[in-house]
Structure formats: structure tokens, C-alpha cells
Amino acid sequence: MSDSEFDAASLDDVIHSKLRLGIMAYLSGVDSATFGELKERTGATDGNLSVSLRKLEDAGYIGIDKRFVGRRPQTRARLTDSGRKAWMAYLDQMRSLLG
């Protein structure tokens, strides 16, 4: 790859953080995941996970569903169609950068 082909600025800033990248990677392989499952899989704190989920939701990359299971609240996240497209574009770009 030539220097003119490398464009780090074109990486998706919403996805390109360690935690959000982990969330997107995990959600790409499942239908949906609970907050607790994402917390366990990513090793995130409640606060960091909440902020990252909000950023992904604001970008339209994930959908969040909140409901009660029994008497306990449950937050569940899933990739949206836009999120899946953004994820695939991100992976394509990373492959391109790696040659």
C-alpha cells in the first residue's frame, strides 16, 4: 500500500474505540445480547458500557430494548441494519489498511 492510500482519518470514529469495537464484534455474531452479557464479554464497567452503548445507539448502529423480565429490568442490544453495514465497511477498511 502506498502512503497516499493510507487514510486513518477515514476510520469510523464511532466504532474505532476498544470497547465499542468489542461490542460491535460481539453483536455481529449474535441476534442480541443483554447488558450483563456485554459487560461480561467486554470486561467493561457499567458506566463505560452505558456510555459506549449510547454512542452506538445515537449513531444508529445498535438498537436498545428495555423491558422487565419478572420484576427485574433488562436491557438488550442488537445490531441494526445500518450498524451491520457500518461494521462490514469498517472490517473492509481494516483489511484494506492491512494489505
PDB file of N, CA and C in Angstrom:
ATOM      1  N   MET A   1       0.855  -1.166   0.000  1.00  0.00           N
ATOM      2  CA  MET A   1       0.000   0.000   0.000  1.00  0.00           C
ATOM      3  C   MET A   1       0.904   1.233   0.000  1.00  0.00           C
ATOM      4  N   SER A   2       0.558   2.191  -0.792  1.00  0.00           N
ATOM      5  CA  SER A   2       1.341   3.421  -0.828  1.00  0.00           C
ATOM      6  C   SER A   2       0.875   4.365   0.269  1.00  0.00           C
ATOM      7  N   ASP A   3       1.718   5.346   0.587  1.00  0.00           N
ATOM      8  CA  ASP A   3       1.368   6.322   1.610  1.00  0.00           C
ATOM      9  C   ASP A   3       0.092   7.069   1.257  1.00  0.00           C
ATOM     10  N   SER A   4      -0.157   7.286  -0.013  1.00  0.00           N
ATOM     11  CA  SER A   4      -1.348   8.035  -0.428  1.00  0.00           C
ATOM     12  C   SER A   4      -2.633   7.238  -0.211  1.00  0.00           C
ATOM     13  N   GLU A   5      -2.535   5.904  -0.107  1.00  0.00           N
ATOM     14  CA  GLU A   5      -3.719   5.074   0.107  1.00  0.00           C
ATOM     15  C   GLU A   5      -4.108   4.988   1.582  1.00  0.00           C
ATOM     16  N   PHE A   6      -3.168   5.228   2.471  1.00  0.00           N
ATOM     17  CA  PHE A   6      -3.451   5.117   3.894  1.00  0.00           C
ATOM     18  C   PHE A   6      -4.161   6.376   4.373  1.00  0.00           C
ATOM     19  N   ASP A   7      -5.364   6.190   4.928  1.00  0.00           N
ATOM     20  CA  ASP A   7      -6.138   7.331   5.412  1.00  0.00           C
ATOM     21  C   ASP A   7      -6.790   6.957   6.736  1.00  0.00           C
ATOM     22  N   ALA A   8      -6.038   7.111   7.820  1.00  0.00           N
ATOM     23  CA  ALA A   8      -6.555   6.775   9.148  1.00  0.00           C
ATOM     24  C   ALA A   8      -7.745   7.633   9.523  1.00  0.00           C
ATOM     25  N   ALA A   9      -7.836   8.831   8.975  1.00  0.00           N
ATOM     26  CA  ALA A   9      -8.953   9.724   9.287  1.00  0.00           C
ATOM     27  C   ALA A   9     -10.278   9.189   8.779  1.00  0.00           C
ATOM     28  N   SER A  10     -10.228   8.273   7.827  1.00  0.00           N
ATOM     29  CA  SER A  10     -11.475   7.738   7.291  1.00  0.00           C
ATOM     30  C   SER A  10     -12.038   6.582   8.117  1.00  0.00           C
ATOM     31  N   LEU A  11     -11.304   6.137   9.147  1.00  0.00           N
ATOM     32  CA  LEU A  11     -11.841   5.100  10.030  1.00  0.00           C
ATOM     33  C   LEU A  11     -13.054   5.647  10.779  1.00  0.00           C
ATOM     34  N   ASP A  12     -14.048   4.816  10.977  1.00  0.00           N
ATOM     35  CA  ASP A  12     -15.273   5.204  11.674  1.00  0.00           C
ATOM     36  C   ASP A  12     -14.972   5.418  13.153  1.00  0.00           C
ATOM     37  N   ASP A  13     -14.977   6.683  13.592  1.00  0.00           N
ATOM     38  CA  ASP A  13     -14.648   7.011  14.980  1.00  0.00           C
ATOM     39  C   ASP A  13     -15.632   6.416  15.980  1.00  0.00           C
ATOM     40  N   VAL A  14     -16.851   6.199  15.566  1.00  0.00           N
ATOM     41  CA  VAL A  14     -17.841   5.629  16.483  1.00  0.00           C
ATOM     42  C   VAL A  14     -17.462   4.188  16.821  1.00  0.00           C
ATOM     43  N   ILE A  15     -17.019   3.449  15.837  1.00  0.00           N
ATOM     44  CA  ILE A  15     -16.652   2.045  16.054  1.00  0.00           C
ATOM     45  C   ILE A  15     -15.233   1.921  16.601  1.00  0.00           C
ATOM     46  N   HIS A  16     -14.340   2.803  16.182  1.00  0.00           N
ATOM     47  CA  HIS A  16     -12.911   2.636  16.430  1.00  0.00           C
ATOM     48  C   HIS A  16     -12.488   3.063  17.842  1.00  0.00           C
ATOM     49  N   SER A  17     -13.038   2.422  18.813  1.00  0.00           N
ATOM     50  CA  SER A  17     -12.555   2.502  20.193  1.00  0.00           C
ATOM     51  C   SER A  17     -12.583   1.069  20.697  1.00  0.00           C
ATOM     52  N   LYS A  18     -11.724   0.755  21.623  1.00  0.00           N
ATOM     53  CA  LYS A  18     -11.591  -0.634  22.075  1.00  0.00           C
ATOM     54  C   LYS A  18     -12.933  -1.220  22.523  1.00  0.00           C
ATOM     55  N   LEU A  19     -13.655  -0.505  23.358  1.00  0.00           N
ATOM     56  CA  LEU A  19     -14.903  -1.046  23.888  1.00  0.00           C
ATOM     57  C   LEU A  19     -15.986  -1.121  22.814  1.00  0.00           C
ATOM     58  N   ARG A  20     -16.169  -0.059  22.043  1.00  0.00           N
ATOM     59  CA  ARG A  20     -17.214  -0.082  21.010  1.00  0.00           C
ATOM     60  C   ARG A  20     -16.888  -1.111  19.932  1.00  0.00           C
ATOM     61  N   LEU A  21     -15.622  -1.274  19.627  1.00  0.00           N
ATOM     62  CA  LEU A  21     -15.200  -2.302  18.682  1.00  0.00           C
ATOM     63  C   LEU A  21     -15.573  -3.686  19.215  1.00  0.00           C
ATOM     64  N   GLY A  22     -15.324  -3.909  20.495  1.00  0.00           N
ATOM     65  CA  GLY A  22     -15.680  -5.187  21.112  1.00  0.00           C
ATOM     66  C   GLY A  22     -17.182  -5.430  21.110  1.00  0.00           C
ATOM     67  N   ILE A  23     -17.951  -4.386  21.380  1.00  0.00           N
ATOM     68  CA  ILE A  23     -19.412  -4.503  21.372  1.00  0.00           C
ATOM     69  C   ILE A  23     -19.895  -4.865  19.977  1.00  0.00           C
ATOM     70  N   MET A  24     -19.404  -4.135  18.981  1.00  0.00           N
ATOM     71  CA  MET A  24     -19.827  -4.390  17.602  1.00  0.00           C
ATOM     72  C   MET A  24     -19.431  -5.799  17.162  1.00  0.00           C
ATOM     73  N   ALA A  25     -18.217  -6.215  17.508  1.00  0.00           N
ATOM     74  CA  ALA A  25     -17.751  -7.551  17.135  1.00  0.00           C
ATOM     75  C   ALA A  25     -18.642  -8.622  17.771  1.00  0.00           C
ATOM     76  N   TYR A  26     -18.949  -8.459  19.040  1.00  0.00           N
ATOM     77  CA  TYR A  26     -19.778  -9.459  19.715  1.00  0.00           C
ATOM     78  C   TYR A  26     -21.192  -9.482  19.137  1.00  0.00           C
ATOM     79  N   LEU A  27     -21.788  -8.299  18.971  1.00  0.00           N
ATOM     80  CA  LEU A  27     -23.157  -8.248  18.466  1.00  0.00           C
ATOM     81  C   LEU A  27     -23.263  -8.741  17.022  1.00  0.00           C
ATOM     82  N   SER A  28     -22.176  -8.673  16.278  1.00  0.00           N
ATOM     83  CA  SER A  28     -22.224  -9.142  14.891  1.00  0.00           C
ATOM     84  C   SER A  28     -22.413 -10.655  14.807  1.00  0.00           C
ATOM     85  N   GLY A  29     -22.125 -11.344  15.897  1.00  0.00           N
ATOM     86  CA  GLY A  29     -22.227 -12.798  15.899  1.00  0.00           C
ATOM     87  C   GLY A  29     -23.429 -13.366  16.634  1.00  0.00           C
ATOM     88  N   VAL A  30     -24.279 -12.498  17.185  1.00  0.00           N
ATOM     89  CA  VAL A  30     -25.456 -12.947  17.932  1.00  0.00           C
ATOM     90  C   VAL A  30     -26.676 -12.131  17.495  1.00  0.00           C
ATOM     91  N   ASP A  31     -27.856 -12.641  17.782  1.00  0.00           N
ATOM     92  CA  ASP A  31     -29.074 -11.882  17.472  1.00  0.00           C
ATOM     93  C   ASP A  31     -29.175 -10.639  18.350  1.00  0.00           C
ATOM     94  N   SER A  32     -28.906 -10.811  19.638  1.00  0.00           N
ATOM     95  CA  SER A  32     -28.925  -9.706  20.593  1.00  0.00           C
ATOM     96  C   SER A  32     -28.193 -10.173  21.848  1.00  0.00           C
ATOM     97  N   ALA A  33     -27.902  -9.218  22.718  1.00  0.00           N
ATOM     98  CA  ALA A  33     -27.207  -9.555  23.957  1.00  0.00           C
ATOM     99  C   ALA A  33     -27.698  -8.640  25.068  1.00  0.00           C
ATOM    100  N   THR A  34     -27.763  -9.174  26.276  1.00  0.00           N
ATOM    101  CA  THR A  34     -28.159  -8.372  27.423  1.00  0.00           C
ATOM    102  C   THR A  34     -26.984  -7.503  27.862  1.00  0.00           C
ATOM    103  N   PHE A  35     -27.300  -6.472  28.628  1.00  0.00           N
ATOM    104  CA  PHE A  35     -26.289  -5.591  29.194  1.00  0.00           C
ATOM    105  C   PHE A  35     -25.267  -6.412  29.979  1.00  0.00           C
ATOM    106  N   GLY A  36     -25.753  -7.339  30.801  1.00  0.00           N
ATOM    107  CA  GLY A  36     -24.860  -8.168  31.608  1.00  0.00           C
ATOM    108  C   GLY A  36     -23.942  -9.027  30.767  1.00  0.00           C
ATOM    109  N   GLU A  37     -24.484  -9.571  29.693  1.00  0.00           N
ATOM    110  CA  GLU A  37     -23.676 -10.393  28.788  1.00  0.00           C
ATOM    111  C   GLU A  37     -22.581  -9.551  28.134  1.00  0.00           C
ATOM    112  N   LEU A  38     -22.935  -8.355  27.667  1.00  0.00           N
ATOM    113  CA  LEU A  38     -21.945  -7.474  27.056  1.00  0.00           C
ATOM    114  C   LEU A  38     -20.887  -7.048  28.073  1.00  0.00           C
ATOM    115  N   LYS A  39     -21.320  -6.770  29.280  1.00  0.00           N
ATOM    116  CA  LYS A  39     -20.394  -6.376  30.348  1.00  0.00           C
ATOM    117  C   LYS A  39     -19.391  -7.501  30.603  1.00  0.00           C
ATOM    118  N   GLU A  40     -19.884  -8.719  30.701  1.00  0.00           N
ATOM    119  CA  GLU A  40     -19.022  -9.871  30.950  1.00  0.00           C
ATOM    120  C   GLU A  40     -18.065 -10.115  29.787  1.00  0.00           C
ATOM    121  N   ARG A  41     -18.578 -10.042  28.568  1.00  0.00           N
ATOM    122  CA  ARG A  41     -17.763 -10.339  27.378  1.00  0.00           C
ATOM    123  C   ARG A  41     -16.696  -9.284  27.109  1.00  0.00           C
ATOM    124  N   THR A  42     -16.997  -8.028  27.431  1.00  0.00           N
ATOM    125  CA  THR A  42     -16.058  -6.947  27.142  1.00  0.00           C
ATOM    126  C   THR A  42     -15.200  -6.555  28.334  1.00  0.00           C
ATOM    127  N   GLY A  43     -15.594  -6.943  29.540  1.00  0.00           N
ATOM    128  CA  GLY A  43     -14.865  -6.559  30.734  1.00  0.00           C
ATOM    129  C   GLY A  43     -15.061  -5.100  31.113  1.00  0.00           C
ATOM    130  N   ALA A  44     -16.118  -4.486  30.590  1.00  0.00           N
ATOM    131  CA  ALA A  44     -16.380  -3.061  30.834  1.00  0.00           C
ATOM    132  C   ALA A  44     -17.058  -2.841  32.178  1.00  0.00           C
ATOM    133  N   THR A  45     -16.930  -1.621  32.669  1.00  0.00           N
ATOM    134  CA  THR A  45     -17.694  -1.228  33.851  1.00  0.00           C
ATOM    135  C   THR A  45     -19.098  -0.832  33.398  1.00  0.00           C
ATOM    136  N   ASP A  46     -20.019  -0.761  34.334  1.00  0.00           N
ATOM    137  CA  ASP A  46     -21.385  -0.346  34.000  1.00  0.00           C
ATOM    138  C   ASP A  46     -21.395   1.011  33.298  1.00  0.00           C
ATOM    139  N   GLY A  47     -20.667   1.965  33.855  1.00  0.00           N
ATOM    140  CA  GLY A  47     -20.657   3.318  33.304  1.00  0.00           C
ATOM    141  C   GLY A  47     -20.068   3.390  31.906  1.00  0.00           C
ATOM    142  N   ASN A  48     -18.914   2.750  31.709  1.00  0.00           N
ATOM    143  CA  ASN A  48     -18.278   2.770  30.393  1.00  0.00           C
ATOM    144  C   ASN A  48     -19.142   2.066  29.349  1.00  0.00           C
ATOM    145  N   LEU A  49     -19.748   0.958  29.735  1.00  0.00           N
ATOM    146  CA  LEU A  49     -20.598   0.237  28.800  1.00  0.00           C
ATOM    147  C   LEU A  49     -21.822   1.067  28.439  1.00  0.00           C
ATOM    148  N   SER A  50     -22.430   1.713  29.419  1.00  0.00           N
ATOM    149  CA  SER A  50     -23.599   2.559  29.157  1.00  0.00           C
ATOM    150  C   SER A  50     -23.273   3.676  28.175  1.00  0.00           C
ATOM    151  N   VAL A  51     -22.147   4.340  28.388  1.00  0.00           N
ATOM    152  CA  VAL A  51     -21.739   5.442  27.503  1.00  0.00           C
ATOM    153  C   VAL A  51     -21.486   4.931  26.087  1.00  0.00           C
ATOM    154  N   SER A  52     -20.801   3.805  25.969  1.00  0.00           N
ATOM    155  CA  SER A  52     -20.493   3.256  24.649  1.00  0.00           C
ATOM    156  C   SER A  52     -21.752   2.796  23.924  1.00  0.00           C
ATOM    157  N   LEU A  53     -22.666   2.165  24.652  1.00  0.00           N
ATOM    158  CA  LEU A  53     -23.922   1.749  24.032  1.00  0.00           C
ATOM    159  C   LEU A  53     -24.710   2.961  23.545  1.00  0.00           C
ATOM    160  N   ARG A  54     -24.699   4.023  24.338  1.00  0.00           N
ATOM    161  CA  ARG A  54     -25.417   5.240  23.940  1.00  0.00           C
ATOM    162  C   ARG A  54     -24.829   5.830  22.648  1.00  0.00           C
ATOM    163  N   LYS A  55     -23.488   5.855  22.550  1.00  0.00           N
ATOM    164  CA  LYS A  55     -22.837   6.384  21.346  1.00  0.00           C
ATOM    165  C   LYS A  55     -23.189   5.548  20.125  1.00  0.00           C
ATOM    166  N   LEU A  56     -23.190   4.244  20.285  1.00  0.00           N
ATOM    167  CA  LEU A  56     -23.553   3.365  19.168  1.00  0.00           C
ATOM    168  C   LEU A  56     -25.028   3.515  18.804  1.00  0.00           C
ATOM    169  N   GLU A  57     -25.870   3.681  19.810  1.00  0.00           N
ATOM    170  CA  GLU A  57     -27.298   3.879  19.566  1.00  0.00           C
ATOM    171  C   GLU A  57     -27.546   5.220  18.879  1.00  0.00           C
ATOM    172  N   ASP A  58     -26.886   6.272  19.336  1.00  0.00           N
ATOM    173  CA  ASP A  58     -27.043   7.599  18.728  1.00  0.00           C
ATOM    174  C   ASP A  58     -26.610   7.601  17.266  1.00  0.00           C
ATOM    175  N   ALA A  59     -25.622   6.772  16.930  1.00  0.00           N
ATOM    176  CA  ALA A  59     -25.156   6.662  15.546  1.00  0.00           C
ATOM    177  C   ALA A  59     -26.091   5.797  14.701  1.00  0.00           C
ATOM    178  N   GLY A  60     -27.041   5.123  15.352  1.00  0.00           N
ATOM    179  CA  GLY A  60     -27.956   4.243  14.629  1.00  0.00           C
ATOM    180  C   GLY A  60     -27.399   2.860  14.370  1.00  0.00           C
ATOM    181  N   TYR A  61     -26.285   2.521  15.030  1.00  0.00           N
ATOM    182  CA  TYR A  61     -25.639   1.237  14.790  1.00  0.00           C
ATOM    183  C   TYR A  61     -26.237   0.104  15.604  1.00  0.00           C
ATOM    184  N   ILE A  62     -26.811   0.420  16.751  1.00  0.00           N
ATOM    185  CA  ILE A  62     -27.456  -0.610  17.559  1.00  0.00           C
ATOM    186  C   ILE A  62     -28.834  -0.127  17.987  1.00  0.00           C
ATOM    187  N   GLY A  63     -29.687  -1.078  18.269  1.00  0.00           N
ATOM    188  CA  GLY A  63     -30.986  -0.798  18.861  1.00  0.00           C
ATOM    189  C   GLY A  63     -30.965  -1.300  20.289  1.00  0.00           C
ATOM    190  N   ILE A  64     -31.590  -0.561  21.164  1.00  0.00           N
ATOM    191  CA  ILE A  64     -31.666  -0.930  22.579  1.00  0.00           C
ATOM    192  C   ILE A  64     -33.123  -1.182  22.926  1.00  0.00           C
ATOM    193  N   ASP A  65     -33.381  -2.305  23.535  1.00  0.00           N
ATOM    194  CA  ASP A  65     -34.717  -2.639  24.017  1.00  0.00           C
ATOM    195  C   ASP A  65     -34.651  -2.782  25.530  1.00  0.00           C
ATOM    196  N   LYS A  66     -35.531  -2.097  26.208  1.00  0.00           N
ATOM    197  CA  LYS A  66     -35.596  -2.188  27.678  1.00  0.00           C
ATOM    198  C   LYS A  66     -36.949  -2.769  28.054  1.00  0.00           C
ATOM    199  N   ARG A  67     -36.912  -3.742  28.931  1.00  0.00           N
ATOM    200  CA  ARG A  67     -38.149  -4.365  29.399  1.00  0.00           C
ATOM    201  C   ARG A  67     -37.901  -4.976  30.763  1.00  0.00           C
ATOM    202  N   PHE A  68     -38.954  -5.506  31.314  1.00  0.00           N
ATOM    203  CA  PHE A  68     -38.835  -6.202  32.590  1.00  0.00           C
ATOM    204  C   PHE A  68     -38.954  -7.696  32.347  1.00  0.00           C
ATOM    205  N   VAL A  69     -38.095  -8.444  32.987  1.00  0.00           N
ATOM    206  CA  VAL A  69     -38.159  -9.894  32.983  1.00  0.00           C
ATOM    207  C   VAL A  69     -38.407 -10.268  34.429  1.00  0.00           C
ATOM    208  N   GLY A  70     -39.610 -10.752  34.679  1.00  0.00           N
ATOM    209  CA  GLY A  70     -40.027 -10.899  36.062  1.00  0.00           C
ATOM    210  C   GLY A  70     -40.196  -9.499  36.612  1.00  0.00           C
ATOM    211  N   ARG A  71     -39.519  -9.205  37.675  1.00  0.00           N
ATOM    212  CA  ARG A  71     -39.567  -7.855  38.250  1.00  0.00           C
ATOM    213  C   ARG A  71     -38.256  -7.094  38.053  1.00  0.00           C
ATOM    214  N   ARG A  72     -37.398  -7.669  37.241  1.00  0.00           N
ATOM    215  CA  ARG A  72     -36.074  -7.066  37.042  1.00  0.00           C
ATOM    216  C   ARG A  72     -35.988  -6.401  35.672  1.00  0.00           C
ATOM    217  N   PRO A  73     -35.402  -5.205  35.609  1.00  0.00           N
ATOM    218  CA  PRO A  73     -35.216  -4.556  34.310  1.00  0.00           C
ATOM    219  C   PRO A  73     -34.136  -5.279  33.504  1.00  0.00           C
ATOM    220  N   GLN A  74     -34.342  -5.324  32.201  1.00  0.00           N
ATOM    221  CA  GLN A  74     -33.356  -5.945  31.327  1.00  0.00           C
ATOM    222  C   GLN A  74     -33.141  -5.048  30.114  1.00  0.00           C
ATOM    223  N   THR A  75     -31.890  -4.763  29.827  1.00  0.00           N
ATOM    224  CA  THR A  75     -31.513  -4.001  28.637  1.00  0.00           C
ATOM    225  C   THR A  75     -30.888  -4.968  27.664  1.00  0.00           C
ATOM    226  N   ARG A  76     -31.379  -4.940  26.443  1.00  0.00           N
ATOM    227  CA  ARG A  76     -30.886  -5.838  25.405  1.00  0.00           C
ATOM    228  C   ARG A  76     -30.476  -4.998  24.203  1.00  0.00           C
ATOM    229  N   ALA A  77     -29.318  -5.314  23.610  1.00  0.00           N
ATOM    230  CA  ALA A  77     -28.805  -4.587  22.448  1.00  0.00           C
ATOM    231  C   ALA A  77     -28.715  -5.522  21.249  1.00  0.00           C
ATOM    232  N   ARG A  78     -28.903  -4.938  20.073  1.00  0.00           N
ATOM    233  CA  ARG A  78     -28.785  -5.692  18.821  1.00  0.00           C
ATOM    234  C   ARG A  78     -28.258  -4.761  17.745  1.00  0.00           C
ATOM    235  N   LEU A  79     -27.565  -5.324  16.761  1.00  0.00           N
ATOM    236  CA  LEU A  79     -27.118  -4.517  15.626  1.00  0.00           C
ATOM    237  C   LEU A  79     -28.314  -4.162  14.758  1.00  0.00           C
ATOM    238  N   THR A  80     -28.346  -2.938  14.271  1.00  0.00           N
ATOM    239  CA  THR A  80     -29.348  -2.531  13.292  1.00  0.00           C
ATOM    240  C   THR A  80     -28.800  -2.856  11.903  1.00  0.00           C
ATOM    241  N   ASP A  81     -29.623  -2.717  10.880  1.00  0.00           N
ATOM    242  CA  ASP A  81     -29.137  -2.908   9.516  1.00  0.00           C
ATOM    243  C   ASP A  81     -28.019  -1.914   9.208  1.00  0.00           C
ATOM    244  N   SER A  82     -28.196  -0.665   9.652  1.00  0.00           N
ATOM    245  CA  SER A  82     -27.152   0.350   9.453  1.00  0.00           C
ATOM    246  C   SER A  82     -25.878  -0.027  10.196  1.00  0.00           C
ATOM    247  N   GLY A  83     -26.039  -0.571  11.380  1.00  0.00           N
ATOM    248  CA  GLY A  83     -24.887  -0.999  12.159  1.00  0.00           C
ATOM    249  C   GLY A  83     -24.141  -2.139  11.498  1.00  0.00           C
ATOM    250  N   ARG A  84     -24.883  -3.087  10.942  1.00  0.00           N
ATOM    251  CA  ARG A  84     -24.242  -4.212  10.250  1.00  0.00           C
ATOM    252  C   ARG A  84     -23.476  -3.713   9.026  1.00  0.00           C
ATOM    253  N   LYS A  85     -24.069  -2.769   8.283  1.00  0.00           N
ATOM    254  CA  LYS A  85     -23.378  -2.192   7.121  1.00  0.00           C
ATOM    255  C   LYS A  85     -22.127  -1.438   7.554  1.00  0.00           C
ATOM    256  N   ALA A  86     -22.229  -0.651   8.628  1.00  0.00           N
ATOM    257  CA  ALA A  86     -21.075   0.094   9.132  1.00  0.00           C
ATOM    258  C   ALA A  86     -19.986  -0.860   9.605  1.00  0.00           C
ATOM    259  N   TRP A  87     -20.382  -1.950  10.253  1.00  0.00           N
ATOM    260  CA  TRP A  87     -19.430  -2.948  10.731  1.00  0.00           C
ATOM    261  C   TRP A  87     -18.687  -3.591   9.563  1.00  0.00           C
ATOM    262  N   MET A  88     -19.424  -3.968   8.524  1.00  0.00           N
ATOM    263  CA  MET A  88     -18.806  -4.595   7.357  1.00  0.00           C
ATOM    264  C   MET A  88     -17.875  -3.607   6.651  1.00  0.00           C
ATOM    265  N   ALA A  89     -18.285  -2.348   6.552  1.00  0.00           N
ATOM    266  CA  ALA A  89     -17.437  -1.322   5.934  1.00  0.00           C
ATOM    267  C   ALA A  89     -16.166  -1.123   6.756  1.00  0.00           C
ATOM    268  N   TYR A  90     -16.300  -1.130   8.083  1.00  0.00           N
ATOM    269  CA  TYR A  90     -15.146  -0.985   8.967  1.00  0.00           C
ATOM    270  C   TYR A  90     -14.171  -2.148   8.754  1.00  0.00           C
ATOM    271  N   LEU A  91     -14.691  -3.365   8.712  1.00  0.00           N
ATOM    272  CA  LEU A  91     -13.835  -4.533   8.504  1.00  0.00           C
ATOM    273  C   LEU A  91     -13.150  -4.476   7.146  1.00  0.00           C
ATOM    274  N   ASP A  92     -13.882  -4.066   6.120  1.00  0.00           N
ATOM    275  CA  ASP A  92     -13.293  -3.937   4.780  1.00  0.00           C
ATOM    276  C   ASP A  92     -12.156  -2.929   4.782  1.00  0.00           C
ATOM    277  N   GLN A  93     -12.381  -1.829   5.492  1.00  0.00           N
ATOM    278  CA  GLN A  93     -11.351  -0.802   5.543  1.00  0.00           C
ATOM    279  C   GLN A  93     -10.116  -1.293   6.287  1.00  0.00           C
ATOM    280  N   MET A  94     -10.318  -2.015   7.368  1.00  0.00           N
ATOM    281  CA  MET A  94      -9.184  -2.567   8.110  1.00  0.00           C
ATOM    282  C   MET A  94      -8.420  -3.561   7.253  1.00  0.00           C
ATOM    283  N   ARG A  95      -9.139  -4.405   6.497  1.00  0.00           N
ATOM    284  CA  ARG A  95      -8.470  -5.355   5.597  1.00  0.00           C
ATOM    285  C   ARG A  95      -7.641  -4.594   4.568  1.00  0.00           C
ATOM    286  N   SER A  96      -8.203  -3.528   4.051  1.00  0.00           N
ATOM    287  CA  SER A  96      -7.508  -2.714   3.056  1.00  0.00           C
ATOM    288  C   SER A  96      -6.243  -2.095   3.649  1.00  0.00           C
ATOM    289  N   LEU A  97      -6.341  -1.596   4.877  1.00  0.00           N
ATOM    290  CA  LEU A  97      -5.176  -0.996   5.521  1.00  0.00           C
ATOM    291  C   LEU A  97      -4.078  -2.030   5.777  1.00  0.00           C
ATOM    292  N   LEU A  98      -4.498  -3.261   6.034  1.00  0.00           N
ATOM    293  CA  LEU A  98      -3.515  -4.326   6.307  1.00  0.00           C
ATOM    294  C   LEU A  98      -2.912  -4.897   5.034  1.00  0.00           C
ATOM    295  N   GLY A  99      -3.508  -4.577   3.903  1.00  0.00           N
ATOM    296  CA  GLY A  99      -2.976  -5.040   2.618  1.00  0.00           C
ATOM    297  C   GLY A  99      -3.515  -6.393   2.297  1.00  0.00           C
TER     298      GLY A  99
END
